[in-house]
Amino acid sequence: MDKKRKEMKEEFLKLTPLQRIRKLNTVFNHMIALKAKTRGVSEYEIYRRYLEARK
């Protein structure tokens, strides 16, 4: 597990800053979609709750 994590970290660090932002944005969007699907609400609702919690 640690070996795989180290490999993934090295792979991530090889990306340009823009590629890192895009990768993390993709992960974030997938997390929102998964939460919305499991809770039976829209992705917008999950995103709105996330923004409210950060105020």
PDB file of N, CA and C in Angstrom:
ATOM      1  N   MET A   1       0.828  -1.192   0.000  1.00  0.00           N
ATOM      2  CA  MET A   1       0.000   0.000   0.000  1.00  0.00           C
ATOM      3  C   MET A   1       0.873   1.257   0.000  1.00  0.00           C
ATOM      4  N   ASP A   2       1.888   1.265   0.863  1.00  0.00           N
ATOM      5  CA  ASP A   2       2.777   2.421   0.922  1.00  0.00           C
ATOM      6  C   ASP A   2       3.563   2.590  -0.371  1.00  0.00           C
ATOM      7  N   LYS A   3       3.915   1.467  -0.993  1.00  0.00           N
ATOM      8  CA  LYS A   3       4.652   1.528  -2.253  1.00  0.00           C
ATOM      9  C   LYS A   3       3.788   2.184  -3.334  1.00  0.00           C
ATOM     10  N   LYS A   4       2.530   1.768  -3.411  1.00  0.00           N
ATOM     11  CA  LYS A   4       1.607   2.330  -4.399  1.00  0.00           C
ATOM     12  C   LYS A   4       1.387   3.818  -4.141  1.00  0.00           C
ATOM     13  N   ARG A   5       1.234   4.176  -2.865  1.00  0.00           N
ATOM     14  CA  ARG A   5       1.036   5.581  -2.500  1.00  0.00           C
ATOM     15  C   ARG A   5       2.246   6.421  -2.919  1.00  0.00           C
ATOM     16  N   LYS A   6       3.441   5.898  -2.689  1.00  0.00           N
ATOM     17  CA  LYS A   6       4.660   6.609  -3.068  1.00  0.00           C
ATOM     18  C   LYS A   6       4.734   6.787  -4.585  1.00  0.00           C
ATOM     19  N   GLU A   7       4.378   5.740  -5.331  1.00  0.00           N
ATOM     20  CA  GLU A   7       4.383   5.822  -6.794  1.00  0.00           C
ATOM     21  C   GLU A   7       3.391   6.874  -7.287  1.00  0.00           C
ATOM     22  N   MET A   8       2.208   6.884  -6.686  1.00  0.00           N
ATOM     23  CA  MET A   8       1.187   7.851  -7.094  1.00  0.00           C
ATOM     24  C   MET A   8       1.620   9.281  -6.759  1.00  0.00           C
ATOM     25  N   LYS A   9       2.266   9.444  -5.611  1.00  0.00           N
ATOM     26  CA  LYS A   9       2.742  10.769  -5.215  1.00  0.00           C
ATOM     27  C   LYS A   9       3.803  11.267  -6.193  1.00  0.00           C
ATOM     28  N   GLU A  10       4.732  10.403  -6.550  1.00  0.00           N
ATOM     29  CA  GLU A  10       5.778  10.779  -7.505  1.00  0.00           C
ATOM     30  C   GLU A  10       5.172  11.134  -8.863  1.00  0.00           C
ATOM     31  N   GLU A  11       4.196  10.349  -9.282  1.00  0.00           N
ATOM     32  CA  GLU A  11       3.514  10.619 -10.553  1.00  0.00           C
ATOM     33  C   GLU A  11       2.808  11.975 -10.513  1.00  0.00           C
ATOM     34  N   PHE A  12       2.147  12.257  -9.397  1.00  0.00           N
ATOM     35  CA  PHE A  12       1.432  13.522  -9.237  1.00  0.00           C
ATOM     36  C   PHE A  12       2.400  14.702  -9.250  1.00  0.00           C
ATOM     37  N   LEU A  13       3.528  14.560  -8.575  1.00  0.00           N
ATOM     38  CA  LEU A  13       4.496  15.652  -8.496  1.00  0.00           C
ATOM     39  C   LEU A  13       5.184  15.936  -9.825  1.00  0.00           C
ATOM     40  N   LYS A  14       5.140  14.993 -10.739  1.00  0.00           N
ATOM     41  CA  LYS A  14       5.713  15.203 -12.069  1.00  0.00           C
ATOM     42  C   LYS A  14       4.813  16.071 -12.945  1.00  0.00           C
ATOM     43  N   LEU A  15       3.565  16.226 -12.554  1.00  0.00           N
ATOM     44  CA  LEU A  15       2.626  17.032 -13.331  1.00  0.00           C
ATOM     45  C   LEU A  15       2.948  18.519 -13.202  1.00  0.00           C
ATOM     46  N   THR A  16       2.545  19.276 -14.203  1.00  0.00           N
ATOM     47  CA  THR A  16       2.687  20.732 -14.124  1.00  0.00           C
ATOM     48  C   THR A  16       1.620  21.257 -13.153  1.00  0.00           C
ATOM     49  N   PRO A  17       1.794  22.471 -12.642  1.00  0.00           N
ATOM     50  CA  PRO A  17       0.780  23.025 -11.739  1.00  0.00           C
ATOM     51  C   PRO A  17      -0.631  23.018 -12.341  1.00  0.00           C
ATOM     52  N   LEU A  18      -0.749  23.343 -13.616  1.00  0.00           N
ATOM     53  CA  LEU A  18      -2.065  23.338 -14.261  1.00  0.00           C
ATOM     54  C   LEU A  18      -2.642  21.924 -14.315  1.00  0.00           C
ATOM     55  N   GLN A  19      -1.815  20.945 -14.623  1.00  0.00           N
ATOM     56  CA  GLN A  19      -2.278  19.557 -14.663  1.00  0.00           C
ATOM     57  C   GLN A  19      -2.710  19.095 -13.275  1.00  0.00           C
ATOM     58  N   ARG A  20      -2.013  19.541 -12.235  1.00  0.00           N
ATOM     59  CA  ARG A  20      -2.384  19.184 -10.855  1.00  0.00           C
ATOM     60  C   ARG A  20      -3.751  19.755 -10.508  1.00  0.00           C
ATOM     61  N   ILE A  21      -3.963  21.018 -10.877  1.00  0.00           N
ATOM     62  CA  ILE A  21      -5.257  21.657 -10.607  1.00  0.00           C
ATOM     63  C   ILE A  21      -6.372  20.901 -11.317  1.00  0.00           C
ATOM     64  N   ARG A  22      -6.152  20.565 -12.573  1.00  0.00           N
ATOM     65  CA  ARG A  22      -7.172  19.832 -13.335  1.00  0.00           C
ATOM     66  C   ARG A  22      -7.447  18.467 -12.721  1.00  0.00           C
ATOM     67  N   LYS A  23      -6.393  17.777 -12.293  1.00  0.00           N
ATOM     68  CA  LYS A  23      -6.542  16.448 -11.683  1.00  0.00           C
ATOM     69  C   LYS A  23      -7.355  16.543 -10.393  1.00  0.00           C
ATOM     70  N   LEU A  24      -7.008  17.505  -9.527  1.00  0.00           N
ATOM     71  CA  LEU A  24      -7.730  17.662  -8.268  1.00  0.00           C
ATOM     72  C   LEU A  24      -9.172  18.107  -8.496  1.00  0.00           C
ATOM     73  N   ASN A  25      -9.405  18.931  -9.503  1.00  0.00           N
ATOM     74  CA  ASN A  25     -10.766  19.347  -9.830  1.00  0.00           C
ATOM     75  C   ASN A  25     -11.600  18.148 -10.278  1.00  0.00           C
ATOM     76  N   THR A  26     -10.996  17.274 -11.061  1.00  0.00           N
ATOM     77  CA  THR A  26     -11.688  16.066 -11.511  1.00  0.00           C
ATOM     78  C   THR A  26     -12.051  15.185 -10.319  1.00  0.00           C
ATOM     79  N   VAL A  27     -11.110  15.017  -9.400  1.00  0.00           N
ATOM     80  CA  VAL A  27     -11.366  14.209  -8.198  1.00  0.00           C
ATOM     81  C   VAL A  27     -12.493  14.835  -7.378  1.00  0.00           C
ATOM     82  N   PHE A  28     -12.442  16.143  -7.192  1.00  0.00           N
ATOM     83  CA  PHE A  28     -13.466  16.854  -6.436  1.00  0.00           C
ATOM     84  C   PHE A  28     -14.844  16.670  -7.072  1.00  0.00           C
ATOM     85  N   ASN A  29     -14.921  16.809  -8.384  1.00  0.00           N
ATOM     86  CA  ASN A  29     -16.199  16.643  -9.086  1.00  0.00           C
ATOM     87  C   ASN A  29     -16.728  15.217  -8.971  1.00  0.00           C
ATOM     88  N   HIS A  30     -15.835  14.228  -9.014  1.00  0.00           N
ATOM     89  CA  HIS A  30     -16.257  12.839  -8.852  1.00  0.00           C
ATOM     90  C   HIS A  30     -16.786  12.594  -7.436  1.00  0.00           C
ATOM     91  N   MET A  31     -16.148  13.209  -6.447  1.00  0.00           N
ATOM     92  CA  MET A  31     -16.617  13.059  -5.067  1.00  0.00           C
ATOM     93  C   MET A  31     -18.012  13.652  -4.909  1.00  0.00           C
ATOM     94  N   ILE A  32     -18.231  14.812  -5.488  1.00  0.00           N
ATOM     95  CA  ILE A  32     -19.552  15.448  -5.419  1.00  0.00           C
ATOM     96  C   ILE A  32     -20.600  14.567  -6.093  1.00  0.00           C
ATOM     97  N   ALA A  33     -20.270  14.037  -7.263  1.00  0.00           N
ATOM     98  CA  ALA A  33     -21.213  13.180  -7.988  1.00  0.00           C
ATOM     99  C   ALA A  33     -21.546  11.931  -7.185  1.00  0.00           C
ATOM    100  N   LEU A  34     -20.550  11.337  -6.554  1.00  0.00           N
ATOM    101  CA  LEU A  34     -20.773  10.128  -5.758  1.00  0.00           C
ATOM    102  C   LEU A  34     -21.645  10.426  -4.538  1.00  0.00           C
ATOM    103  N   LYS A  35     -21.355  11.523  -3.844  1.00  0.00           N
ATOM    104  CA  LYS A  35     -22.172  11.904  -2.685  1.00  0.00           C
ATOM    105  C   LYS A  35     -23.614  12.174  -3.103  1.00  0.00           C
ATOM    106  N   ALA A  36     -23.786  12.862  -4.214  1.00  0.00           N
ATOM    107  CA  ALA A  36     -25.134  13.175  -4.692  1.00  0.00           C
ATOM    108  C   ALA A  36     -25.896  11.896  -5.016  1.00  0.00           C
ATOM    109  N   LYS A  37     -25.226  10.971  -5.661  1.00  0.00           N
ATOM    110  CA  LYS A  37     -25.879   9.719  -6.044  1.00  0.00           C
ATOM    111  C   LYS A  37     -26.265   8.904  -4.810  1.00  0.00           C
ATOM    112  N   THR A  38     -25.370   8.813  -3.824  1.00  0.00           N
ATOM    113  CA  THR A  38     -25.667   8.007  -2.637  1.00  0.00           C
ATOM    114  C   THR A  38     -26.733   8.649  -1.757  1.00  0.00           C
ATOM    115  N   ARG A  39     -26.819   9.977  -1.770  1.00  0.00           N
ATOM    116  CA  ARG A  39     -27.804  10.669  -0.937  1.00  0.00           C
ATOM    117  C   ARG A  39     -29.108  10.954  -1.668  1.00  0.00           C
ATOM    118  N   GLY A  40     -29.117  10.728  -2.968  1.00  0.00           N
ATOM    119  CA  GLY A  40     -30.333  10.929  -3.742  1.00  0.00           C
ATOM    120  C   GLY A  40     -30.697  12.389  -3.962  1.00  0.00           C
ATOM    121  N   VAL A  41     -29.693  13.243  -4.023  1.00  0.00           N
ATOM    122  CA  VAL A  41     -29.928  14.662  -4.291  1.00  0.00           C
ATOM    123  C   VAL A  41     -29.109  15.064  -5.514  1.00  0.00           C
ATOM    124  N   SER A  42     -29.302  16.301  -5.953  1.00  0.00           N
ATOM    125  CA  SER A  42     -28.557  16.765  -7.128  1.00  0.00           C
ATOM    126  C   SER A  42     -27.120  17.122  -6.742  1.00  0.00           C
ATOM    127  N   GLU A  43     -26.256  17.123  -7.745  1.00  0.00           N
ATOM    128  CA  GLU A  43     -24.868  17.523  -7.516  1.00  0.00           C
ATOM    129  C   GLU A  43     -24.815  18.981  -7.052  1.00  0.00           C
ATOM    130  N   TYR A  44     -25.702  19.793  -7.587  1.00  0.00           N
ATOM    131  CA  TYR A  44     -25.756  21.198  -7.191  1.00  0.00           C
ATOM    132  C   TYR A  44     -26.016  21.329  -5.693  1.00  0.00           C
ATOM    133  N   GLU A  45     -26.916  20.513  -5.167  1.00  0.00           N
ATOM    134  CA  GLU A  45     -27.246  20.562  -3.741  1.00  0.00           C
ATOM    135  C   GLU A  45     -26.017  20.235  -2.884  1.00  0.00           C
ATOM    136  N   ILE A  46     -25.267  19.234  -3.267  1.00  0.00           N
ATOM    137  CA  ILE A  46     -24.050  18.869  -2.528  1.00  0.00           C
ATOM    138  C   ILE A  46     -23.049  20.012  -2.601  1.00  0.00           C
ATOM    139  N   TYR A  47     -22.860  20.578  -3.779  1.00  0.00           N
ATOM    140  CA  TYR A  47     -21.912  21.677  -3.957  1.00  0.00           C
ATOM    141  C   TYR A  47     -22.337  22.892  -3.135  1.00  0.00           C
ATOM    142  N   ARG A  48     -23.625  23.184  -3.132  1.00  0.00           N
ATOM    143  CA  ARG A  48     -24.141  24.320  -2.360  1.00  0.00           C
ATOM    144  C   ARG A  48     -23.892  24.120  -0.867  1.00  0.00           C
ATOM    145  N   ARG A  49     -24.123  22.899  -0.375  1.00  0.00           N
ATOM    146  CA  ARG A  49     -23.861  22.596   1.038  1.00  0.00           C
ATOM    147  C   ARG A  49     -22.382  22.752   1.362  1.00  0.00           C
ATOM    148  N   TYR A  50     -21.536  22.336   0.439  1.00  0.00           N
ATOM    149  CA  TYR A  50     -20.094  22.468   0.632  1.00  0.00           C
ATOM    150  C   TYR A  50     -19.704  23.942   0.760  1.00  0.00           C
ATOM    151  N   LEU A  51     -20.260  24.781  -0.102  1.00  0.00           N
ATOM    152  CA  LEU A  51     -19.935  26.206  -0.045  1.00  0.00           C
ATOM    153  C   LEU A  51     -20.454  26.850   1.232  1.00  0.00           C
ATOM    154  N   GLU A  52     -21.642  26.462   1.679  1.00  0.00           N
ATOM    155  CA  GLU A  52     -22.211  27.016   2.907  1.00  0.00           C
ATOM    156  C   GLU A  52     -21.356  26.652   4.111  1.00  0.00           C
ATOM    157  N   ALA A  53     -20.842  25.441   4.134  1.00  0.00           N
ATOM    158  CA  ALA A  53     -20.031  24.982   5.263  1.00  0.00           C
ATOM    159  C   ALA A  53     -18.700  25.725   5.344  1.00  0.00           C
ATOM    160  N   ARG A  54     -18.239  26.235   4.236  1.00  0.00           N
ATOM    161  CA  ARG A  54     -16.935  26.917   4.206  1.00  0.00           C
ATOM    162  C   ARG A  54     -17.032  28.407   4.505  1.00  0.00           C
ATOM    163  N   LYS A  55     -18.229  28.932   4.700  1.00  0.00           N
ATOM    164  CA  LYS A  55     -18.397  30.373   4.974  1.00  0.00           C
ATOM    165  C   LYS A  55     -17.911  30.710   6.359  1.00  0.00           C
TER     166      LYS A  55
END
